[in-house]
Structure formats: C-alpha cells, structure tokens
Amino acid sequence: EKRLCVVIRFLLFTNPGERVNRPDFGSGVLQLVFAPNSPEVAAALQFTVQAALQRWLGDVVEVDALEVTSIDSTLRIDLRYVIRRTGEQRTERFERSAP
C-alpha cells in the first residue's frame, strides 16, 4: 500500500499539463503556494485537492478528512482516507516547499 501513497503524492504535486500522456492529470495546488494566505485561497486549495482525489482516485480511496495549509512557501496537506478495497483507514501528510 506504500505505492498508493506515492501515487497520491504524484497526483497532488503534479501540475496539469506536466504529464505528456495525461495532460489533465494533477491537482495544480503548487500554483497557489505563493498566493497570499486567506480564507479564499485555503478554500480553493481544499477544493482543488478534493476534486483531484475524487477524479483520479475516487474508485480507490474515500476521503474522510482533508486539511490544506500554506505557510510562507510550504504547502502541507493532511489527508485521512479509507482504501475502498480493504476498508483500511490511513493518514498521510504531504509537504512541499517551493524553490
């Protein structure tokens, strides 16, 4: 199941247009890392991540909880989900700092 964590990481930190064979794959959240912190940006990040997970991995995972925070140039995504096939609940934290 570690492979699933890697797939989620790729999905979260890939910008649409970055993958040649799947140009619409990705979440695009890295584009918002430098946006000023505000409730609107936080809501946009949350919505973007939720939509990407549902679109690309909705048949594999069910999202229980999702929190997206952006502090300075670091993006943190805390995700709690259930693996549909096994019913196993997992919690992961994904972080990325902008260069």
C-alpha atoms as a PDB file:
ATOM      1  CA  GLU A   1       0.000   0.000   0.000  1.00  0.00           C
ATOM      2  CA  LYS A   2       3.036   2.289   0.095  1.00  0.00           C
ATOM      3  CA  ARG A   3       2.610   2.537  -3.659  1.00  0.00           C
ATOM      4  CA  LEU A   4      -0.761   4.219  -3.145  1.00  0.00           C
ATOM      5  CA  CYS A   5       0.911   6.905  -1.019  1.00  0.00           C
ATOM      6  CA  VAL A   6       3.357   7.560  -3.866  1.00  0.00           C
ATOM      7  CA  VAL A   7       0.515   7.814  -6.393  1.00  0.00           C
ATOM      8  CA  ILE A   8      -1.300  10.314  -4.153  1.00  0.00           C
ATOM      9  CA  ARG A   9       1.913  12.359  -3.824  1.00  0.00           C
ATOM     10  CA  PHE A  10       2.334  12.418  -7.623  1.00  0.00           C
ATOM     11  CA  LEU A  11      -1.279  13.476  -8.072  1.00  0.00           C
ATOM     12  CA  LEU A  12      -1.046  16.262  -5.509  1.00  0.00           C
ATOM     13  CA  PHE A  13       2.236  17.760  -6.688  1.00  0.00           C
ATOM     14  CA  THR A  14       1.836  17.441 -10.451  1.00  0.00           C
ATOM     15  CA  ASN A  15       0.546  20.426 -12.367  1.00  0.00           C
ATOM     16  CA  PRO A  16      -1.943  19.808 -15.172  1.00  0.00           C
ATOM     17  CA  GLY A  17      -0.065  19.815 -18.467  1.00  0.00           C
ATOM     18  CA  GLU A  18       3.081  18.381 -16.893  1.00  0.00           C
ATOM     19  CA  ARG A  19       2.403  14.756 -17.972  1.00  0.00           C
ATOM     20  CA  VAL A  20       2.659  14.187 -21.718  1.00  0.00           C
ATOM     21  CA  ASN A  21       0.267  11.230 -21.969  1.00  0.00           C
ATOM     22  CA  ARG A  22      -2.186  12.596 -19.390  1.00  0.00           C
ATOM     23  CA  PRO A  23      -2.189  16.388 -19.776  1.00  0.00           C
ATOM     24  CA  ASP A  24      -5.131  16.846 -17.390  1.00  0.00           C
ATOM     25  CA  PHE A  25      -3.567  14.715 -14.610  1.00  0.00           C
ATOM     26  CA  GLY A  26      -2.626  16.579 -11.436  1.00  0.00           C
ATOM     27  CA  SER A  27      -4.081  18.955  -8.932  1.00  0.00           C
ATOM     28  CA  GLY A  28      -2.383  22.270  -9.664  1.00  0.00           C
ATOM     29  CA  VAL A  29      -2.003  23.157  -5.979  1.00  0.00           C
ATOM     30  CA  LEU A  30       1.637  24.144  -6.396  1.00  0.00           C
ATOM     31  CA  GLN A  31       0.472  27.125  -8.435  1.00  0.00           C
ATOM     32  CA  LEU A  32      -1.169  28.519  -5.287  1.00  0.00           C
ATOM     33  CA  VAL A  33       1.803  28.139  -2.920  1.00  0.00           C
ATOM     34  CA  PHE A  34       2.830  31.773  -3.341  1.00  0.00           C
ATOM     35  CA  ALA A  35      -0.697  33.169  -3.202  1.00  0.00           C
ATOM     36  CA  PRO A  36      -1.295  35.293  -0.110  1.00  0.00           C
ATOM     37  CA  ASN A  37      -2.802  33.326   2.757  1.00  0.00           C
ATOM     38  CA  SER A  38      -6.501  33.990   3.034  1.00  0.00           C
ATOM     39  CA  PRO A  39      -9.702  32.058   3.661  1.00  0.00           C
ATOM     40  CA  GLU A  40     -10.389  32.202  -0.079  1.00  0.00           C
ATOM     41  CA  VAL A  41      -7.027  30.653  -1.006  1.00  0.00           C
ATOM     42  CA  ALA A  42      -7.409  27.997   1.684  1.00  0.00           C
ATOM     43  CA  ALA A  43     -10.860  27.120   0.334  1.00  0.00           C
ATOM     44  CA  ALA A  44      -9.517  26.993  -3.228  1.00  0.00           C
ATOM     45  CA  LEU A  45      -6.687  24.669  -2.187  1.00  0.00           C
ATOM     46  CA  GLN A  46      -9.080  22.432  -0.290  1.00  0.00           C
ATOM     47  CA  PHE A  47     -11.485  22.254  -3.230  1.00  0.00           C
ATOM     48  CA  THR A  48      -8.702  21.625  -5.758  1.00  0.00           C
ATOM     49  CA  VAL A  49      -7.224  18.737  -3.770  1.00  0.00           C
ATOM     50  CA  GLN A  50     -10.623  17.182  -3.044  1.00  0.00           C
ATOM     51  CA  ALA A  51     -11.606  17.369  -6.722  1.00  0.00           C
ATOM     52  CA  ALA A  52      -8.332  15.845  -7.940  1.00  0.00           C
ATOM     53  CA  LEU A  53      -8.537  12.983  -5.454  1.00  0.00           C
ATOM     54  CA  GLN A  54     -12.137  12.281  -6.416  1.00  0.00           C
ATOM     55  CA  ARG A  55     -11.471  12.430 -10.139  1.00  0.00           C
ATOM     56  CA  TRP A  56      -8.313  10.357 -10.296  1.00  0.00           C
ATOM     57  CA  LEU A  57      -8.510   8.081  -7.241  1.00  0.00           C
ATOM     58  CA  GLY A  58     -12.184   8.066  -6.268  1.00  0.00           C
ATOM     59  CA  ASP A  59     -12.543   4.401  -7.151  1.00  0.00           C
ATOM     60  CA  VAL A  60      -9.554   3.520  -4.937  1.00  0.00           C
ATOM     61  CA  VAL A  61      -9.907   5.775  -1.885  1.00  0.00           C
ATOM     62  CA  GLU A  62     -12.641   7.557   0.034  1.00  0.00           C
ATOM     63  CA  VAL A  63     -11.519  10.800   1.656  1.00  0.00           C
ATOM     64  CA  ASP A  64     -12.516  11.076   5.334  1.00  0.00           C
ATOM     65  CA  ALA A  65     -10.722  14.296   6.226  1.00  0.00           C
ATOM     66  CA  LEU A  66      -8.609  16.792   4.336  1.00  0.00           C
ATOM     67  CA  GLU A  67      -6.761  19.846   5.577  1.00  0.00           C
ATOM     68  CA  VAL A  68      -4.636  22.003   3.315  1.00  0.00           C
ATOM     69  CA  THR A  69      -2.422  24.716   4.776  1.00  0.00           C
ATOM     70  CA  SER A  70       0.023  27.068   3.145  1.00  0.00           C
ATOM     71  CA  ILE A  71       2.577  28.756   5.378  1.00  0.00           C
ATOM     72  CA  ASP A  72       5.092  31.016   3.682  1.00  0.00           C
ATOM     73  CA  SER A  73       6.244  28.887   0.727  1.00  0.00           C
ATOM     74  CA  THR A  74       5.405  25.486   2.243  1.00  0.00           C
ATOM     75  CA  LEU A  75       2.274  23.607   1.323  1.00  0.00           C
ATOM     76  CA  ARG A  76       1.044  20.961   3.782  1.00  0.00           C
ATOM     77  CA  ILE A  77      -1.746  18.511   3.021  1.00  0.00           C
ATOM     78  CA  ASP A  78      -3.076  16.299   5.810  1.00  0.00           C
ATOM     79  CA  LEU A  79      -5.232  13.523   4.433  1.00  0.00           C
ATOM     80  CA  ARG A  80      -7.221  10.782   6.125  1.00  0.00           C
ATOM     81  CA  TYR A  81      -8.741   8.240   3.774  1.00  0.00           C
ATOM     82  CA  VAL A  82     -10.110   4.718   3.524  1.00  0.00           C
ATOM     83  CA  ILE A  83      -8.825   2.237   0.967  1.00  0.00           C
ATOM     84  CA  ARG A  84     -12.030   1.017  -0.644  1.00  0.00           C
ATOM     85  CA  ARG A  85     -10.763  -2.485  -1.447  1.00  0.00           C
ATOM     86  CA  THR A  86      -9.677  -3.332   2.112  1.00  0.00           C
ATOM     87  CA  GLY A  87     -11.507  -0.825   4.310  1.00  0.00           C
ATOM     88  CA  GLU A  88      -8.164   0.156   5.844  1.00  0.00           C
ATOM     89  CA  GLN A  89      -8.012   3.720   7.158  1.00  0.00           C
ATOM     90  CA  ARG A  90      -4.788   5.652   6.597  1.00  0.00           C
ATOM     91  CA  THR A  91      -3.493   9.079   7.498  1.00  0.00           C
ATOM     92  CA  GLU A  92      -0.775  10.777   5.465  1.00  0.00           C
ATOM     93  CA  ARG A  93       0.928  14.162   5.485  1.00  0.00           C
ATOM     94  CA  PHE A  94       2.314  15.563   2.264  1.00  0.00           C
ATOM     95  CA  GLU A  95       4.540  18.631   2.231  1.00  0.00           C
ATOM     96  CA  ARG A  96       6.198  20.573  -0.497  1.00  0.00           C
ATOM     97  CA  SER A  97       8.256  23.734  -0.293  1.00  0.00           C
ATOM     98  CA  ALA A  98       8.512  25.974  -3.313  1.00  0.00           C
ATOM     99  CA  PRO A  99      12.027  26.532  -4.645  1.00  0.00           C
END
